[in-house]
Amino acid sequence: MTKDTLVVDARMINNSGIGTYLKNILPIISDEFHLILLGNKDELSVFSWTHKCKIIAFNAKIYSFTEQIKFQKIVPKCALLWCPHFNVPLLPVKAKKIICTIHDLNHLALRKNYFYLKYLYAKLLYTNAVRKSNKIITVSNFSKIELLKYTNAITAKINVIYCGVNNMFYTKNNVETNIELPLHYILFVGNVKPHKNLITLLKAYNSLSEETKTIYKLVILGRKEGFVTPDKNIFAYIDNHNLRSNVYFTGHIDNDKLPSIYSKAKLFVFPSLYEGFGLPILEAMASGIPVVSSNAASLPEVGGDASIYFNPKNSVELKEKIEIMLKDEKMRIEYIEKGFNRIKHFSWEKSSTAHIKLFKDLQTAAMVSLQAKINSRSNVHLAAASSVRCLNRRLTFIVINSQSRHKAIFVPTNTMAGKANTEITIKIIPPWIRSPKRVKNVLIASIPSYREN
């Protein structure tokens, strides 16, 4: 059976967040579609599943004007284009349908963190993504609400599909990290950016007793430099409070080393002010460590009752929660068990299946759901109401238009069910024509060949 072509902008595959999303989704959906990946050939070729895919070199910088100019030439003729970020092509491309994943509305909701021109360009891209995309995927109900709040998105376009947890976090992983880590530590995972709110974590940690700080160090796993909007206050605070010997920055870590670092932590703390999903708290739960999380944005939706929450702007409250989770062994065990139960609700297999269904449903809708206007004078419309499946022959359906409503509804019959591979021609009888014999040349549209799933 011929697979539909799905083009994916995969340039961010090695980024945190979106990169994790792509690395877990693409291997599964590559079995269902003829995948064409846009991105760096050397970066993409290291993944074993990409031997099934065609790779088109596309190295333009994300958010750049260059990417927008090149999109029009780079994107080949295809049934579907999937943009896993909100930088959907501004100019027309040769894709019949576009699907976009919008993980969060950070650039609009936290506009004070961005230069004004960067904010304006982000707003333009979000607006374009919402308008151009036939379907929008987002990763939480929180992000869906944000989409509706900050853009003109239509509710019917938005599909909430949760992320999953990679299976590597479920087992003890002793991969050598080659990183000098303290024996006992509190862990944070994320990049050093203002919305990650590390300053509140540092203030809470600094207010712990000297004895506690001597035993437990603070490990920050993630990039600390190279951002357009870095959090410069972090390093000033560390220097001003003599915390250099207490705070460890790992920098970028390869994925296979993450489970080992998670599982050796005593406690995971996530003080973020804004997250579209909050994958690190699930990774921590899967690794068997208790979680103290901010109660902001999507985090309570994802963490459920398996995390102990705090106000992300209150470092005193966070300090108290840290002390409780370090000292109360009974509570630690309780939340570790809750974490194991919570992660059962999330898997990349579930997420991938939902993506595949959405992609295929959109393709099917493009084939069998049709609305066509005959002309501006008659204001007659044609609509296909449900799936059409026919076998090895060309069929013509004649629909007599309702004179009262000036509409014609095409409804497939039961005899068509379960069949495939036929071009279907639909004819409509304008209200002024009484006899079906006179409609031979009144052709409105043809639905492309429908292929059985």
Protein backbone atom coordinates (compact mmCIF):
# COMPACT_ATOMS: atom_id res chain seq x y z
CA MET A 1 0.00 0.00 0.00
CA THR A 2 1.31 3.44 -0.94
CA LYS A 3 2.09 5.63 2.04
CA ASP A 4 1.19 9.28 2.14
CA THR A 5 4.08 11.72 2.14
CA LEU A 6 4.64 13.61 5.38
CA VAL A 7 7.28 16.36 5.36
CA VAL A 8 8.70 17.27 8.78
CA ASP A 9 10.83 20.26 9.72
CA ALA A 10 13.37 18.35 11.86
CA ARG A 11 15.99 21.07 12.35
CA MET A 12 15.38 21.19 16.12
CA ILE A 13 15.92 17.47 16.70
CA ASN A 14 18.93 18.08 18.96
CA ASN A 15 17.33 20.88 20.96
CA SER A 16 16.00 20.30 24.43
CA GLY A 17 12.22 20.15 24.68
CA ILE A 18 11.21 20.06 21.02
CA GLY A 19 14.19 17.82 20.25
CA THR A 20 13.04 15.29 22.85
CA TYR A 21 9.54 15.46 21.34
CA LEU A 22 10.83 14.75 17.82
CA LYS A 23 13.24 11.98 18.85
CA ASN A 24 10.40 10.05 20.47
CA ILE A 25 7.62 10.68 17.93
CA LEU A 26 9.41 10.38 14.59
CA PRO A 27 10.72 6.79 14.92
CA ILE A 28 7.16 5.54 15.48
CA ILE A 29 5.41 7.56 12.78
CA SER A 30 8.15 6.72 10.25
CA ASP A 31 6.47 3.31 9.85
CA GLU A 32 3.17 4.89 8.84
CA PHE A 33 4.22 7.56 6.36
CA HIS A 34 6.78 8.23 3.68
CA LEU A 35 8.78 10.70 5.75
CA ILE A 36 10.78 13.54 4.25
CA LEU A 37 12.90 15.28 6.88
CA LEU A 38 14.12 18.85 6.52
CA GLY A 39 17.32 19.48 8.46
CA ASN A 40 21.01 18.85 8.89
CA LYS A 41 21.87 15.60 7.10
CA ASP A 42 24.77 14.77 9.43
CA GLU A 43 22.67 15.30 12.56
CA LEU A 44 19.71 13.30 11.25
CA SER A 45 21.68 10.41 9.77
CA VAL A 46 22.91 9.25 13.21
CA PHE A 47 19.41 7.98 14.03
CA SER A 48 18.86 4.41 12.83
CA TRP A 49 15.23 4.99 11.82
CA THR A 50 16.16 7.72 9.32
CA HIS A 51 17.31 5.10 6.78
CA LYS A 52 13.59 4.83 5.92
CA CYS A 53 13.35 8.57 5.31
CA LYS A 54 14.45 11.02 2.68
CA ILE A 55 16.50 13.89 4.08
CA ILE A 56 16.56 17.30 2.44
CA ALA A 57 19.37 19.57 3.63
CA PHE A 58 17.92 22.62 5.37
CA ASN A 59 20.23 24.47 7.75
CA ALA A 60 18.62 27.89 7.95
CA LYS A 61 18.51 29.27 11.48
CA ILE A 62 15.20 28.92 13.35
CA TYR A 63 13.15 32.18 13.39
CA SER A 64 15.36 33.70 10.69
CA PHE A 65 14.18 35.53 7.59
CA THR A 66 16.35 33.09 5.63
CA GLU A 67 14.25 30.11 6.73
CA GLN A 68 11.10 31.86 5.58
CA ILE A 69 12.55 32.65 2.17
CA LYS A 70 13.91 29.11 1.71
CA PHE A 71 10.78 27.30 2.92
CA GLN A 72 9.05 27.97 -0.39
CA LYS A 73 11.82 26.23 -2.35
CA ILE A 74 12.77 23.53 0.18
CA VAL A 75 9.32 22.08 0.99
CA PRO A 76 8.50 19.54 -1.75
CA LYS A 77 5.07 18.71 -3.09
CA CYS A 78 3.39 16.65 -0.36
CA ALA A 79 0.12 15.70 1.27
CA LEU A 80 1.10 17.00 4.72
CA LEU A 81 3.69 19.36 6.18
CA TRP A 82 4.29 19.09 9.92
CA CYS A 83 5.98 22.01 11.66
CA PRO A 84 6.81 20.95 15.26
CA HIS A 85 7.20 24.60 16.27
CA PHE A 86 5.27 27.77 15.52
CA ASN A 87 7.60 28.93 12.71
CA VAL A 88 5.20 27.86 9.98
CA PRO A 89 6.08 29.11 6.45
CA LEU A 90 4.86 32.63 5.83
CA LEU A 91 4.96 32.21 2.05
CA PRO A 92 2.93 29.59 0.12
CA VAL A 93 4.45 26.08 -0.03
CA LYS A 94 3.58 22.96 -2.03
CA ALA A 95 1.94 21.14 0.89
CA LYS A 96 -1.78 20.38 0.61
CA LYS A 97 -2.25 20.56 4.38
CA ILE A 98 -0.18 21.99 7.24
CA ILE A 99 -0.09 20.77 10.84
CA CYS A 100 1.72 22.78 13.49
CA THR A 101 2.66 21.94 17.08
CA ILE A 102 2.58 24.93 19.41
CA HIS A 103 4.06 23.86 22.72
CA ASP A 104 3.50 27.11 24.58
CA LEU A 105 2.87 30.83 24.15
CA ASN A 106 5.98 31.89 26.04
CA HIS A 107 6.91 34.68 23.63
CA LEU A 108 3.50 36.32 24.02
CA ALA A 109 2.66 35.52 27.64
CA LEU A 110 6.10 36.60 28.91
CA ARG A 111 6.74 39.38 26.44
CA LYS A 112 8.79 41.39 28.97
CA ASN A 113 11.55 38.77 28.60
CA TYR A 114 12.01 39.59 24.93
CA PHE A 115 13.16 42.59 22.95
CA TYR A 116 10.21 44.37 21.36
CA LEU A 117 11.17 43.47 17.78
CA LYS A 118 11.60 39.82 18.76
CA TYR A 119 8.17 39.90 20.41
CA LEU A 120 6.60 41.44 17.27
CA TYR A 121 8.18 38.83 15.02
CA ALA A 122 7.04 36.03 17.34
CA LYS A 123 3.51 37.46 17.30
CA LEU A 124 3.59 37.48 13.51
CA LEU A 125 4.70 33.83 13.44
CA TYR A 126 2.07 32.72 15.96
CA THR A 127 -0.65 34.54 14.02
CA ASN A 128 0.54 32.98 10.77
CA ALA A 129 0.75 29.49 12.32
CA VAL A 130 -2.80 29.70 13.62
CA ARG A 131 -4.12 30.98 10.29
CA LYS A 132 -2.18 28.69 7.94
CA SER A 133 -2.39 25.43 9.89
CA ASN A 134 -5.27 23.08 9.13
CA LYS A 135 -4.74 21.49 12.54
CA ILE A 136 -2.83 22.64 15.61
CA ILE A 137 -1.34 20.23 18.13
CA THR A 138 -0.61 21.47 21.60
CA VAL A 139 0.73 19.54 24.57
CA SER A 140 -1.60 20.50 27.44
CA ASN A 141 -4.99 21.97 28.13
CA PHE A 142 -3.17 24.92 29.68
CA SER A 143 -1.49 25.65 26.34
CA LYS A 144 -4.82 25.28 24.55
CA ILE A 145 -6.31 27.95 26.81
CA GLU A 146 -3.28 30.16 26.19
CA LEU A 147 -3.69 29.72 22.42
CA LEU A 148 -7.27 30.87 22.61
CA LYS A 149 -6.27 33.76 24.88
CA TYR A 150 -3.40 35.18 22.85
CA THR A 151 -4.37 34.30 19.26
CA ASN A 152 -7.44 34.01 17.06
CA ALA A 153 -7.20 30.23 17.03
CA ILE A 154 -10.41 28.28 16.44
CA THR A 155 -11.15 25.68 19.12
CA ALA A 156 -12.01 23.04 16.51
CA LYS A 157 -8.50 23.29 15.08
CA ILE A 158 -6.73 22.58 18.37
CA ASN A 159 -5.86 19.04 19.45
CA VAL A 160 -4.32 18.40 22.87
CA ILE A 161 -1.84 15.51 22.77
CA TYR A 162 0.27 14.91 25.87
CA CYS A 163 3.96 14.10 25.68
CA GLY A 164 5.34 10.83 27.07
CA VAL A 165 8.24 9.52 29.09
CA ASN A 166 11.08 7.66 27.43
CA ASN A 167 11.43 4.06 28.62
CA MET A 168 15.08 4.61 29.53
CA PHE A 169 13.98 6.46 32.69
CA TYR A 170 12.12 3.43 34.05
CA THR A 171 15.24 1.36 34.67
CA LYS A 172 18.34 2.08 36.69
CA ASN A 173 20.92 3.39 34.28
CA ASN A 174 24.58 3.19 35.20
CA VAL A 175 25.95 4.81 32.05
CA GLU A 176 29.17 6.63 32.93
CA THR A 177 28.45 10.36 32.85
CA ASN A 178 32.09 11.56 32.94
CA ILE A 179 30.82 14.48 35.01
CA GLU A 180 31.98 15.24 38.52
CA LEU A 181 28.84 15.23 40.63
CA PRO A 182 28.42 15.53 44.40
CA LEU A 183 27.45 12.47 46.40
CA HIS A 184 24.10 13.95 47.51
CA TYR A 185 22.29 16.59 45.52
CA ILE A 186 19.06 18.41 44.73
CA LEU A 187 18.44 18.41 40.98
CA PHE A 188 17.03 20.96 38.55
CA VAL A 189 16.76 20.20 34.81
CA GLY A 190 16.38 23.03 32.34
CA ASN A 191 18.20 25.85 30.61
CA VAL A 192 19.22 29.03 32.39
CA LYS A 193 16.48 31.32 31.13
CA PRO A 194 14.38 33.86 33.06
CA HIS A 195 11.10 31.90 32.92
CA LYS A 196 12.81 28.85 34.44
CA ASN A 197 12.92 30.95 37.63
CA LEU A 198 16.20 29.59 38.98
CA ILE A 199 16.58 32.67 41.14
CA THR A 200 13.77 31.47 43.43
CA LEU A 201 15.43 28.07 43.75
CA LEU A 202 18.79 29.67 44.57
CA LYS A 203 17.23 31.90 47.22
CA ALA A 204 15.46 28.92 48.79
CA TYR A 205 18.62 26.82 48.70
CA ASN A 206 20.72 29.62 50.19
CA SER A 207 18.31 29.94 53.11
CA LEU A 208 18.71 26.27 54.07
CA SER A 209 20.82 25.52 57.14
CA GLU A 210 24.58 25.33 56.66
CA GLU A 211 24.45 21.68 57.68
CA THR A 212 21.91 20.91 54.95
CA LYS A 213 23.91 22.79 52.33
CA THR A 214 27.05 20.94 53.35
CA ILE A 215 25.33 17.59 52.73
CA TYR A 216 23.18 18.49 49.72
CA LYS A 217 24.55 20.41 46.77
CA LEU A 218 22.48 21.88 43.93
CA VAL A 219 22.96 20.40 40.45
CA ILE A 220 21.64 22.38 37.47
CA LEU A 221 21.43 20.16 34.40
CA GLY A 222 21.18 22.16 31.20
CA ARG A 223 22.80 24.85 29.11
CA LYS A 224 23.81 28.01 30.91
CA GLU A 225 24.90 30.16 27.96
CA GLY A 226 24.26 30.87 24.29
CA PHE A 227 20.70 32.15 24.70
CA VAL A 228 19.13 35.26 23.23
CA THR A 229 17.42 35.81 26.60
CA PRO A 230 19.79 34.45 29.30
CA ASP A 231 19.14 34.87 33.01
CA LYS A 232 22.17 36.94 34.04
CA ASN A 233 20.91 37.39 37.60
CA ILE A 234 21.68 33.76 38.39
CA PHE A 235 25.44 34.03 38.20
CA ALA A 236 25.53 37.35 40.05
CA TYR A 237 23.50 35.81 42.88
CA ILE A 238 25.80 32.78 43.10
CA ASP A 239 28.88 35.01 43.35
CA ASN A 240 27.33 37.47 45.80
CA HIS A 241 26.30 34.67 48.19
CA ASN A 242 29.41 32.52 47.92
CA LEU A 243 27.59 29.55 46.41
CA ARG A 244 30.14 28.56 43.77
CA SER A 245 31.19 25.50 45.76
CA ASN A 246 27.56 24.46 46.27
CA VAL A 247 26.11 24.87 42.77
CA TYR A 248 27.13 22.56 39.92
CA PHE A 249 26.35 23.34 36.28
CA THR A 250 26.57 20.28 34.03
CA GLY A 251 26.08 22.02 30.68
CA HIS A 252 24.59 20.00 27.82
CA ILE A 253 24.26 16.28 28.59
CA ASP A 254 23.68 13.46 26.09
CA ASN A 255 20.28 11.82 26.46
CA ASP A 256 21.63 8.39 27.44
CA LYS A 257 23.29 9.92 30.52
CA LEU A 258 20.18 11.67 31.83
CA PRO A 259 18.62 8.70 33.70
CA SER A 260 21.79 8.14 35.72
CA ILE A 261 21.87 11.78 36.86
CA TYR A 262 18.16 11.80 37.68
CA SER A 263 18.17 8.55 39.64
CA LYS A 264 21.08 9.58 41.91
CA ALA A 265 19.37 12.79 43.02
CA LYS A 266 17.76 13.05 46.44
CA LEU A 267 15.10 15.48 45.27
CA PHE A 268 13.94 17.13 42.05
CA VAL A 269 12.85 20.79 42.15
CA PHE A 270 11.15 22.57 39.25
CA PRO A 271 10.48 26.27 39.99
CA SER A 272 9.43 27.31 36.46
CA LEU A 273 7.05 30.20 35.93
CA TYR A 274 5.86 29.03 32.53
CA GLU A 275 5.78 25.61 30.84
CA GLY A 276 3.66 24.27 28.03
CA PHE A 277 4.05 20.78 29.46
CA GLY A 278 6.90 20.22 31.93
CA LEU A 279 8.47 16.95 30.82
CA PRO A 280 11.30 16.96 33.43
CA ILE A 281 8.88 16.37 36.31
CA LEU A 282 7.66 13.15 34.64
CA GLU A 283 11.24 12.06 33.94
CA ALA A 284 12.04 12.60 37.62
CA MET A 285 9.00 10.57 38.69
CA ALA A 286 9.96 7.75 36.33
CA SER A 287 13.45 7.82 37.86
CA GLY A 288 12.03 7.25 41.33
CA ILE A 289 12.78 10.59 42.96
CA PRO A 290 10.23 12.85 44.69
CA VAL A 291 9.22 16.08 42.96
CA VAL A 292 8.73 19.59 44.34
CA SER A 293 7.15 21.68 41.60
CA SER A 294 5.91 25.17 40.92
CA ASN A 295 2.12 25.42 40.84
CA ALA A 296 2.25 27.63 37.74
CA ALA A 297 1.07 27.07 34.18
CA SER A 298 0.69 23.43 33.04
CA LEU A 299 2.67 21.83 35.87
CA PRO A 300 -0.25 20.84 38.15
CA GLU A 301 -2.03 19.41 35.09
CA VAL A 302 0.95 17.18 34.32
CA GLY A 303 2.11 16.40 37.85
CA GLY A 304 -1.34 15.69 39.26
CA ASP A 305 -1.26 14.57 42.89
CA ALA A 306 2.25 13.13 42.54
CA SER A 307 4.10 16.36 43.22
CA ILE A 308 4.24 18.70 46.17
CA TYR A 309 3.60 22.25 44.91
CA PHE A 310 4.70 25.76 45.87
CA ASN A 311 4.18 29.35 44.74
CA PRO A 312 7.08 29.98 42.33
CA LYS A 313 7.46 33.55 43.57
CA ASN A 314 7.79 32.51 47.21
CA SER A 315 11.30 31.26 48.05
CA VAL A 316 10.41 30.84 51.73
CA GLU A 317 7.62 28.40 50.87
CA LEU A 318 9.96 26.52 48.55
CA LYS A 319 12.60 26.27 51.29
CA GLU A 320 10.02 24.71 53.62
CA LYS A 321 8.93 22.18 50.98
CA ILE A 322 12.55 21.22 50.27
CA GLU A 323 13.25 20.66 53.97
CA ILE A 324 10.16 18.48 54.36
CA MET A 325 11.02 16.29 51.39
CA LEU A 326 14.62 15.89 52.47
CA LYS A 327 13.81 14.94 56.06
CA ASP A 328 10.43 13.16 56.05
CA GLU A 329 11.19 9.66 54.71
CA LYS A 330 7.57 8.54 54.93
CA MET A 331 6.44 11.44 52.75
CA ARG A 332 9.28 10.80 50.32
CA ILE A 333 8.20 7.19 49.84
CA GLU A 334 4.56 8.28 49.45
CA TYR A 335 5.39 10.73 46.65
CA ILE A 336 7.75 8.34 44.92
CA GLU A 337 4.89 5.82 44.71
CA LYS A 338 2.49 8.48 43.55
CA GLY A 339 5.00 9.41 40.87
CA PHE A 340 5.17 5.84 39.57
CA ASN A 341 1.38 5.78 39.33
CA ARG A 342 1.22 9.17 37.66
CA ILE A 343 3.58 8.33 34.80
CA LYS A 344 1.32 5.48 33.72
CA HIS A 345 -0.90 8.14 32.14
CA PHE A 346 1.86 9.27 29.77
CA SER A 347 3.72 7.38 27.06
CA TRP A 348 5.29 8.23 23.72
CA GLU A 349 3.43 5.29 22.20
CA LYS A 350 0.09 6.90 23.15
CA SER A 351 1.30 10.26 21.95
CA SER A 352 2.55 8.88 18.62
CA THR A 353 -0.69 6.99 18.02
CA ALA A 354 -2.65 10.20 18.56
CA HIS A 355 -0.37 12.05 16.13
CA ILE A 356 -0.75 9.35 13.49
CA LYS A 357 -4.53 9.37 13.85
CA LEU A 358 -4.65 13.14 13.51
CA PHE A 359 -2.44 13.11 10.42
CA LYS A 360 -4.47 10.36 8.77
CA ASP A 361 -7.80 11.88 9.71
CA LEU A 362 -6.74 15.18 8.17
CA GLN A 363 -5.64 13.43 4.99
CA THR A 364 -8.91 11.49 4.83
CA ALA A 365 -10.85 14.70 5.37
CA ALA A 366 -8.99 16.27 2.48
CA MET A 367 -10.11 13.40 0.27
CA VAL A 368 -13.71 12.92 1.25
CA SER A 369 -14.92 16.12 2.85
CA LEU A 370 -15.67 18.68 0.18
CA GLN A 371 -17.42 21.99 0.08
CA ALA A 372 -17.71 23.74 -3.28
CA LYS A 373 -19.52 26.81 -4.39
CA ILE A 374 -21.21 26.54 -7.79
CA ASN A 375 -21.26 30.27 -8.42
CA SER A 376 -21.97 33.47 -6.63
CA ARG A 377 -25.39 33.81 -8.20
CA SER A 378 -26.93 30.54 -7.10
CA ASN A 379 -25.10 30.35 -3.74
CA VAL A 380 -25.31 26.55 -3.94
CA HIS A 381 -22.87 24.47 -1.89
CA LEU A 382 -21.88 20.85 -2.05
CA ALA A 383 -20.78 18.92 1.01
CA ALA A 384 -19.52 15.39 1.50
CA ALA A 385 -20.86 14.28 4.83
CA SER A 386 -18.85 11.15 5.52
CA SER A 387 -16.14 8.80 4.25
CA VAL A 388 -16.43 7.41 0.75
CA ARG A 389 -14.79 4.12 -0.18
CA CYS A 390 -15.27 2.62 -3.64
CA LEU A 391 -13.55 -0.14 -5.58
CA ASN A 392 -11.83 0.01 -8.98
CA ARG A 393 -14.39 2.08 -10.83
CA ARG A 394 -15.39 5.67 -11.37
CA LEU A 395 -18.67 6.59 -9.74
CA THR A 396 -20.88 9.57 -10.36
CA PHE A 397 -23.32 10.82 -7.74
CA ILE A 398 -26.09 13.18 -8.69
CA VAL A 399 -27.52 15.35 -5.95
CA ILE A 400 -30.69 17.34 -6.49
CA ASN A 401 -30.35 20.74 -4.92
CA SER A 402 -32.87 21.94 -2.37
CA GLN A 403 -34.53 25.00 -3.82
CA SER A 404 -35.50 26.30 -0.40
CA ARG A 405 -32.05 26.32 1.19
CA HIS A 406 -29.95 26.44 -1.96
CA LYS A 407 -27.76 23.61 -0.67
CA ALA A 408 -27.07 20.08 -1.80
CA ILE A 409 -25.88 17.40 0.59
CA PHE A 410 -24.00 14.36 -0.67
CA VAL A 411 -24.39 11.33 1.63
CA PRO A 412 -22.47 8.12 0.77
CA THR A 413 -24.46 4.89 0.74
CA ASN A 414 -23.74 1.78 2.81
CA THR A 415 -22.75 -0.16 -0.33
CA MET A 416 -19.57 1.90 -0.60
CA ALA A 417 -18.21 0.99 2.84
CA GLY A 418 -14.92 -0.87 3.05
CA LYS A 419 -13.77 -0.24 -0.53
CA ALA A 420 -10.98 1.88 -1.91
CA ASN A 421 -8.97 3.37 -4.77
CA THR A 422 -11.51 5.15 -6.95
CA GLU A 423 -11.75 8.71 -8.14
CA ILE A 424 -15.21 9.95 -7.31
CA THR A 425 -16.93 12.52 -9.45
CA ILE A 426 -19.71 14.53 -7.86
CA LYS A 427 -22.33 16.31 -9.91
CA ILE A 428 -24.92 18.66 -8.65
CA ILE A 429 -28.27 19.65 -10.11
CA PRO A 430 -28.90 23.38 -9.86
CA PRO A 431 -32.40 24.25 -8.58
CA TRP A 432 -33.59 25.36 -12.02
CA ILE A 433 -32.95 21.92 -13.58
CA ARG A 434 -35.68 19.34 -12.97
CA SER A 435 -34.41 16.28 -14.81
CA PRO A 436 -31.20 14.36 -13.91
CA LYS A 437 -30.72 13.64 -17.62
CA ARG A 438 -29.75 17.24 -18.17
CA VAL A 439 -26.79 17.33 -15.74
CA LYS A 440 -24.14 15.55 -17.80
CA ASN A 441 -21.80 18.54 -17.88
CA VAL A 442 -22.59 20.12 -14.54
CA LEU A 443 -19.39 18.98 -12.77
CA ILE A 444 -18.34 20.71 -9.60
CA ALA A 445 -15.34 18.78 -8.27
CA SER A 446 -13.54 15.46 -8.06
CA ILE A 447 -12.36 13.91 -4.83
CA PRO A 448 -8.85 12.41 -5.20
CA SER A 449 -8.35 8.66 -4.92
CA TYR A 450 -9.01 7.40 -1.43
CA ARG A 451 -6.62 4.77 -0.07
CA GLU A 452 -7.68 2.29 2.57
CA ASN A 453 -5.89 2.72 5.92
